[in-house]
């Protein structure tokens, strides 16, 4: 009898602990759950967020974009930035898909008609260009312009939330959290659950 009584008491205590655990998780789920969390709001992170949010299949998904820097501010048009990227036609197609390319192109873009690649040991050179230079092979674009164009589109989307000055401190995967979602903790102490966590740092 004594053994049975002790067993019942242990089971009751464990049940209460589990109940508290799942109640806490449920509370997080109700208030701070996102389908997708993207850590990193640079070119890759913001591009991914815009692409997912504008995809017809995923347009109903809630997306959280975490960015460690303060809110993005557009640079003056007169000043050229020395932080640029050479983007190919696939990248331009992506920017067109998320409706950011028209804005970027209207400010300034430098087409590349030919690329020469060589090393410092031999005189061998590889040339990239279309026949008769009738089409560019890439474009040079300022990073800030691409960010501005993509952030302009993100701000129009209701299913994307951006948290600035927020960094991912830790994450608890489903196999460890005992639920089907990943639990993440930010540098502020806030907790969120998500179905998919993507790092773009």
C-alpha atoms as a PDB file:
ATOM      1  CA  UNK A   1       0.000   0.000   0.000  1.00  0.00           C
ATOM      2  CA  UNK A   2       2.793   2.369   0.937  1.00  0.00           C
ATOM      3  CA  UNK A   3       4.573   1.683  -2.373  1.00  0.00           C
ATOM      4  CA  UNK A   4       1.365   2.288  -4.316  1.00  0.00           C
ATOM      5  CA  UNK A   5       0.726   5.536  -2.446  1.00  0.00           C
ATOM      6  CA  UNK A   6       4.261   6.806  -3.119  1.00  0.00           C
ATOM      7  CA  UNK A   7       3.972   5.855  -6.798  1.00  0.00           C
ATOM      8  CA  UNK A   8       0.717   7.779  -7.138  1.00  0.00           C
ATOM      9  CA  UNK A   9       2.299  10.809  -5.451  1.00  0.00           C
ATOM     10  CA  UNK A  10       5.325  10.730  -7.792  1.00  0.00           C
ATOM     11  CA  UNK A  11       3.080  10.395 -10.840  1.00  0.00           C
ATOM     12  CA  UNK A  12       0.980  13.321  -9.635  1.00  0.00           C
ATOM     13  CA  UNK A  13       4.063  15.531  -9.140  1.00  0.00           C
ATOM     14  CA  UNK A  14       5.449  14.601 -12.563  1.00  0.00           C
ATOM     15  CA  UNK A  15       2.079  15.265 -14.171  1.00  0.00           C
ATOM     16  CA  UNK A  16       1.976  18.726 -12.597  1.00  0.00           C
ATOM     17  CA  UNK A  17       5.502  19.475 -13.877  1.00  0.00           C
ATOM     18  CA  UNK A  18       4.582  18.349 -17.377  1.00  0.00           C
ATOM     19  CA  UNK A  19       1.353  20.363 -17.241  1.00  0.00           C
ATOM     20  CA  UNK A  20       3.271  23.511 -16.254  1.00  0.00           C
ATOM     21  CA  UNK A  21       5.816  22.860 -19.028  1.00  0.00           C
ATOM     22  CA  UNK A  22       3.206  22.433 -21.747  1.00  0.00           C
ATOM     23  CA  UNK A  23       1.131  25.335 -20.418  1.00  0.00           C
ATOM     24  CA  UNK A  24       4.180  27.586 -20.735  1.00  0.00           C
ATOM     25  CA  UNK A  25       4.864  26.319 -24.252  1.00  0.00           C
ATOM     26  CA  UNK A  26       1.210  26.759 -25.189  1.00  0.00           C
ATOM     27  CA  UNK A  27       1.316  30.335 -23.924  1.00  0.00           C
ATOM     28  CA  UNK A  28       4.343  31.060 -26.105  1.00  0.00           C
ATOM     29  CA  UNK A  29       2.654  29.371 -29.050  1.00  0.00           C
ATOM     30  CA  UNK A  30      -0.522  31.418 -28.727  1.00  0.00           C
ATOM     31  CA  UNK A  31       1.171  34.820 -28.593  1.00  0.00           C
ATOM     32  CA  UNK A  32       4.571  34.478 -30.272  1.00  0.00           C
ATOM     33  CA  UNK A  33       4.367  31.818 -32.956  1.00  0.00           C
ATOM     34  CA  UNK A  34       5.616  32.319 -36.513  1.00  0.00           C
ATOM     35  CA  UNK A  35       5.622  29.849 -39.358  1.00  0.00           C
ATOM     36  CA  UNK A  36       9.086  30.990 -40.466  1.00  0.00           C
ATOM     37  CA  UNK A  37      11.807  32.877 -38.586  1.00  0.00           C
ATOM     38  CA  UNK A  38      14.741  34.298 -40.557  1.00  0.00           C
ATOM     39  CA  UNK A  39      17.835  35.303 -38.576  1.00  0.00           C
ATOM     40  CA  UNK A  40      19.719  38.036 -40.425  1.00  0.00           C
ATOM     41  CA  UNK A  41      18.237  40.992 -42.314  1.00  0.00           C
ATOM     42  CA  UNK A  42      21.017  41.633 -44.833  1.00  0.00           C
ATOM     43  CA  UNK A  43      20.699  41.138 -48.582  1.00  0.00           C
ATOM     44  CA  UNK A  44      20.142  37.386 -48.277  1.00  0.00           C
ATOM     45  CA  UNK A  45      17.717  37.543 -45.334  1.00  0.00           C
ATOM     46  CA  UNK A  46      15.565  40.376 -46.669  1.00  0.00           C
ATOM     47  CA  UNK A  47      15.533  38.811 -50.138  1.00  0.00           C
ATOM     48  CA  UNK A  48      14.416  35.479 -48.720  1.00  0.00           C
ATOM     49  CA  UNK A  49      11.694  37.081 -46.583  1.00  0.00           C
ATOM     50  CA  UNK A  50      10.286  39.031 -49.533  1.00  0.00           C
ATOM     51  CA  UNK A  51      10.433  35.997 -51.839  1.00  0.00           C
ATOM     52  CA  UNK A  52       8.638  33.726 -49.384  1.00  0.00           C
ATOM     53  CA  UNK A  53       6.006  36.320 -48.476  1.00  0.00           C
ATOM     54  CA  UNK A  54       5.190  37.048 -52.130  1.00  0.00           C
ATOM     55  CA  UNK A  55       5.052  33.382 -53.112  1.00  0.00           C
ATOM     56  CA  UNK A  56       1.418  32.418 -53.739  1.00  0.00           C
ATOM     57  CA  UNK A  57       1.845  29.069 -52.005  1.00  0.00           C
ATOM     58  CA  UNK A  58       3.383  30.621 -48.873  1.00  0.00           C
ATOM     59  CA  UNK A  59       1.574  33.976 -48.764  1.00  0.00           C
ATOM     60  CA  UNK A  60      -0.498  32.873 -45.759  1.00  0.00           C
ATOM     61  CA  UNK A  61       2.581  32.118 -43.621  1.00  0.00           C
ATOM     62  CA  UNK A  62       3.643  34.429 -40.793  1.00  0.00           C
ATOM     63  CA  UNK A  63       7.305  35.422 -41.156  1.00  0.00           C
ATOM     64  CA  UNK A  64       9.580  37.009 -38.564  1.00  0.00           C
ATOM     65  CA  UNK A  65      12.794  38.684 -39.759  1.00  0.00           C
ATOM     66  CA  UNK A  66      15.439  39.282 -37.080  1.00  0.00           C
ATOM     67  CA  UNK A  67      17.981  42.034 -37.755  1.00  0.00           C
ATOM     68  CA  UNK A  68      20.723  43.003 -35.304  1.00  0.00           C
ATOM     69  CA  UNK A  69      21.156  46.534 -36.689  1.00  0.00           C
ATOM     70  CA  UNK A  70      18.823  49.511 -36.116  1.00  0.00           C
ATOM     71  CA  UNK A  71      16.006  50.168 -38.602  1.00  0.00           C
ATOM     72  CA  UNK A  72      17.298  50.579 -42.150  1.00  0.00           C
ATOM     73  CA  UNK A  73      17.599  54.167 -43.384  1.00  0.00           C
ATOM     74  CA  UNK A  74      17.916  55.024 -47.065  1.00  0.00           C
ATOM     75  CA  UNK A  75      21.105  56.813 -48.094  1.00  0.00           C
ATOM     76  CA  UNK A  76      21.134  60.123 -49.984  1.00  0.00           C
ATOM     77  CA  UNK A  77      20.820  59.736 -53.745  1.00  0.00           C
ATOM     78  CA  UNK A  78      23.784  62.039 -54.454  1.00  0.00           C
ATOM     79  CA  UNK A  79      26.326  59.957 -52.536  1.00  0.00           C
ATOM     80  CA  UNK A  80      27.602  56.795 -54.194  1.00  0.00           C
ATOM     81  CA  UNK A  81      28.262  53.885 -51.870  1.00  0.00           C
ATOM     82  CA  UNK A  82      31.474  51.880 -52.277  1.00  0.00           C
ATOM     83  CA  UNK A  83      29.711  48.732 -51.027  1.00  0.00           C
ATOM     84  CA  UNK A  84      28.511  47.174 -54.276  1.00  0.00           C
ATOM     85  CA  UNK A  85      27.697  43.735 -55.649  1.00  0.00           C
ATOM     86  CA  UNK A  86      27.968  42.217 -59.114  1.00  0.00           C
ATOM     87  CA  UNK A  87      24.652  40.472 -59.654  1.00  0.00           C
ATOM     88  CA  UNK A  88      23.809  38.055 -62.468  1.00  0.00           C
ATOM     89  CA  UNK A  89      20.598  37.654 -64.443  1.00  0.00           C
ATOM     90  CA  UNK A  90      19.160  35.158 -61.951  1.00  0.00           C
ATOM     91  CA  UNK A  91      19.521  37.715 -59.140  1.00  0.00           C
ATOM     92  CA  UNK A  92      17.906  40.386 -61.311  1.00  0.00           C
ATOM     93  CA  UNK A  93      15.046  37.982 -62.046  1.00  0.00           C
ATOM     94  CA  UNK A  94      14.573  37.476 -58.301  1.00  0.00           C
ATOM     95  CA  UNK A  95      14.487  41.245 -57.693  1.00  0.00           C
ATOM     96  CA  UNK A  96      11.912  41.594 -60.455  1.00  0.00           C
ATOM     97  CA  UNK A  97       9.813  38.815 -58.904  1.00  0.00           C
ATOM     98  CA  UNK A  98       9.579  40.701 -55.606  1.00  0.00           C
ATOM     99  CA  UNK A  99       8.927  44.023 -57.442  1.00  0.00           C
ATOM    100  CA  UNK A 100      12.161  45.673 -56.262  1.00  0.00           C
ATOM    101  CA  UNK A 101      14.087  45.903 -59.540  1.00  0.00           C
ATOM    102  CA  UNK A 102      12.188  48.805 -61.149  1.00  0.00           C
ATOM    103  CA  UNK A 103      13.032  51.066 -58.215  1.00  0.00           C
ATOM    104  CA  UNK A 104      16.693  49.997 -58.179  1.00  0.00           C
ATOM    105  CA  UNK A 105      17.063  50.455 -61.935  1.00  0.00           C
ATOM    106  CA  UNK A 106      15.443  53.904 -61.790  1.00  0.00           C
ATOM    107  CA  UNK A 107      18.170  55.157 -59.417  1.00  0.00           C
ATOM    108  CA  UNK A 108      21.389  53.737 -60.890  1.00  0.00           C
ATOM    109  CA  UNK A 109      22.677  50.451 -62.211  1.00  0.00           C
ATOM    110  CA  UNK A 110      25.890  49.822 -64.162  1.00  0.00           C
ATOM    111  CA  UNK A 111      25.640  47.028 -66.743  1.00  0.00           C
ATOM    112  CA  UNK A 112      28.715  44.850 -67.347  1.00  0.00           C
ATOM    113  CA  UNK A 113      29.194  43.960 -71.008  1.00  0.00           C
ATOM    114  CA  UNK A 114      32.368  41.930 -70.574  1.00  0.00           C
ATOM    115  CA  UNK A 115      34.281  40.308 -67.743  1.00  0.00           C
ATOM    116  CA  UNK A 116      37.960  39.352 -67.916  1.00  0.00           C
ATOM    117  CA  UNK A 117      39.354  36.908 -65.379  1.00  0.00           C
ATOM    118  CA  UNK A 118      43.066  36.197 -65.002  1.00  0.00           C
ATOM    119  CA  UNK A 119      45.521  35.077 -62.355  1.00  0.00           C
ATOM    120  CA  UNK A 120      48.771  36.565 -61.137  1.00  0.00           C
ATOM    121  CA  UNK A 121      51.025  33.778 -62.377  1.00  0.00           C
ATOM    122  CA  UNK A 122      50.288  33.299 -66.083  1.00  0.00           C
ATOM    123  CA  UNK A 123      49.076  35.539 -68.899  1.00  0.00           C
ATOM    124  CA  UNK A 124      46.010  33.380 -69.522  1.00  0.00           C
ATOM    125  CA  UNK A 125      42.707  35.262 -69.595  1.00  0.00           C
ATOM    126  CA  UNK A 126      39.087  34.049 -69.569  1.00  0.00           C
ATOM    127  CA  UNK A 127      36.576  36.378 -71.198  1.00  0.00           C
ATOM    128  CA  UNK A 128      32.840  36.390 -70.459  1.00  0.00           C
ATOM    129  CA  UNK A 129      30.597  38.248 -72.897  1.00  0.00           C
ATOM    130  CA  UNK A 130      27.682  37.724 -75.268  1.00  0.00           C
ATOM    131  CA  UNK A 131      28.314  37.691 -79.038  1.00  0.00           C
ATOM    132  CA  UNK A 132      28.900  41.220 -80.353  1.00  0.00           C
ATOM    133  CA  UNK A 133      28.308  42.503 -76.804  1.00  0.00           C
ATOM    134  CA  UNK A 134      24.585  42.671 -77.556  1.00  0.00           C
ATOM    135  CA  UNK A 135      23.614  41.847 -73.964  1.00  0.00           C
ATOM    136  CA  UNK A 136      25.132  42.478 -70.544  1.00  0.00           C
ATOM    137  CA  UNK A 137      26.464  39.576 -68.480  1.00  0.00           C
ATOM    138  CA  UNK A 138      25.874  41.169 -65.058  1.00  0.00           C
ATOM    139  CA  UNK A 139      25.213  44.473 -63.290  1.00  0.00           C
ATOM    140  CA  UNK A 140      27.003  46.417 -60.571  1.00  0.00           C
ATOM    141  CA  UNK A 141      24.521  47.639 -57.963  1.00  0.00           C
ATOM    142  CA  UNK A 142      25.014  49.408 -54.643  1.00  0.00           C
ATOM    143  CA  UNK A 143      24.060  47.171 -51.725  1.00  0.00           C
ATOM    144  CA  UNK A 144      22.123  49.958 -50.008  1.00  0.00           C
ATOM    145  CA  UNK A 145      19.962  50.432 -53.114  1.00  0.00           C
ATOM    146  CA  UNK A 146      19.081  46.749 -53.185  1.00  0.00           C
ATOM    147  CA  UNK A 147      18.276  46.820 -49.472  1.00  0.00           C
ATOM    148  CA  UNK A 148      16.132  49.936 -49.890  1.00  0.00           C
ATOM    149  CA  UNK A 149      14.218  48.420 -52.805  1.00  0.00           C
ATOM    150  CA  UNK A 150      13.536  45.188 -50.940  1.00  0.00           C
ATOM    151  CA  UNK A 151      12.619  46.904 -47.646  1.00  0.00           C
ATOM    152  CA  UNK A 152      10.134  49.071 -49.549  1.00  0.00           C
ATOM    153  CA  UNK A 153       8.383  45.893 -50.680  1.00  0.00           C
ATOM    154  CA  UNK A 154       8.597  44.196 -47.268  1.00  0.00           C
ATOM    155  CA  UNK A 155       6.872  47.155 -45.597  1.00  0.00           C
ATOM    156  CA  UNK A 156       3.824  46.588 -47.817  1.00  0.00           C
ATOM    157  CA  UNK A 157       3.444  42.968 -46.719  1.00  0.00           C
ATOM    158  CA  UNK A 158       1.171  42.169 -43.785  1.00  0.00           C
ATOM    159  CA  UNK A 159       2.616  38.705 -43.155  1.00  0.00           C
ATOM    160  CA  UNK A 160       6.204  39.849 -42.473  1.00  0.00           C
ATOM    161  CA  UNK A 161       7.289  41.353 -39.168  1.00  0.00           C
ATOM    162  CA  UNK A 162      10.772  42.855 -38.737  1.00  0.00           C
ATOM    163  CA  UNK A 163      12.432  43.057 -35.324  1.00  0.00           C
ATOM    164  CA  UNK A 164      15.450  45.348 -35.396  1.00  0.00           C
ATOM    165  CA  UNK A 165      18.272  45.267 -32.849  1.00  0.00           C
ATOM    166  CA  UNK A 166      17.316  41.649 -32.228  1.00  0.00           C
ATOM    167  CA  UNK A 167      19.722  38.732 -32.257  1.00  0.00           C
ATOM    168  CA  UNK A 168      19.189  35.020 -31.845  1.00  0.00           C
ATOM    169  CA  UNK A 169      20.704  33.939 -28.532  1.00  0.00           C
ATOM    170  CA  UNK A 170      19.630  30.303 -28.460  1.00  0.00           C
ATOM    171  CA  UNK A 171      17.247  27.813 -30.010  1.00  0.00           C
ATOM    172  CA  UNK A 172      15.617  24.641 -28.753  1.00  0.00           C
ATOM    173  CA  UNK A 173      14.928  22.154 -31.537  1.00  0.00           C
ATOM    174  CA  UNK A 174      11.752  20.012 -31.579  1.00  0.00           C
ATOM    175  CA  UNK A 175      13.655  16.921 -30.441  1.00  0.00           C
ATOM    176  CA  UNK A 176      14.666  18.809 -27.281  1.00  0.00           C
ATOM    177  CA  UNK A 177      11.609  21.002 -26.677  1.00  0.00           C
ATOM    178  CA  UNK A 178       9.137  18.070 -26.620  1.00  0.00           C
ATOM    179  CA  UNK A 179       6.826  19.926 -29.044  1.00  0.00           C
ATOM    180  CA  UNK A 180       6.624  20.095 -32.814  1.00  0.00           C
ATOM    181  CA  UNK A 181       8.077  23.621 -33.045  1.00  0.00           C
ATOM    182  CA  UNK A 182      11.508  25.165 -32.523  1.00  0.00           C
ATOM    183  CA  UNK A 183      11.692  27.516 -29.530  1.00  0.00           C
ATOM    184  CA  UNK A 184      14.026  30.503 -29.982  1.00  0.00           C
ATOM    185  CA  UNK A 185      15.257  33.050 -27.451  1.00  0.00           C
ATOM    186  CA  UNK A 186      16.392  36.552 -28.442  1.00  0.00           C
ATOM    187  CA  UNK A 187      19.000  38.802 -26.832  1.00  0.00           C
ATOM    188  CA  UNK A 188      16.079  40.702 -25.258  1.00  0.00           C
ATOM    189  CA  UNK A 189      14.870  37.549 -23.507  1.00  0.00           C
ATOM    190  CA  UNK A 190      11.768  37.257 -25.713  1.00  0.00           C
ATOM    191  CA  UNK A 191      10.791  33.761 -26.762  1.00  0.00           C
ATOM    192  CA  UNK A 192       9.146  32.627 -29.982  1.00  0.00           C
ATOM    193  CA  UNK A 193       8.148  29.347 -31.554  1.00  0.00           C
ATOM    194  CA  UNK A 194       8.427  28.580 -35.254  1.00  0.00           C
ATOM    195  CA  UNK A 195       8.021  25.732 -37.720  1.00  0.00           C
ATOM    196  CA  UNK A 196      11.106  26.699 -39.724  1.00  0.00           C
ATOM    197  CA  UNK A 197      14.213  28.584 -38.606  1.00  0.00           C
ATOM    198  CA  UNK A 198      16.571  29.878 -41.311  1.00  0.00           C
ATOM    199  CA  UNK A 199      19.977  31.446 -40.626  1.00  0.00           C
ATOM    200  CA  UNK A 200      21.093  34.134 -43.106  1.00  0.00           C
ATOM    201  CA  UNK A 201      23.916  35.540 -40.987  1.00  0.00           C
END
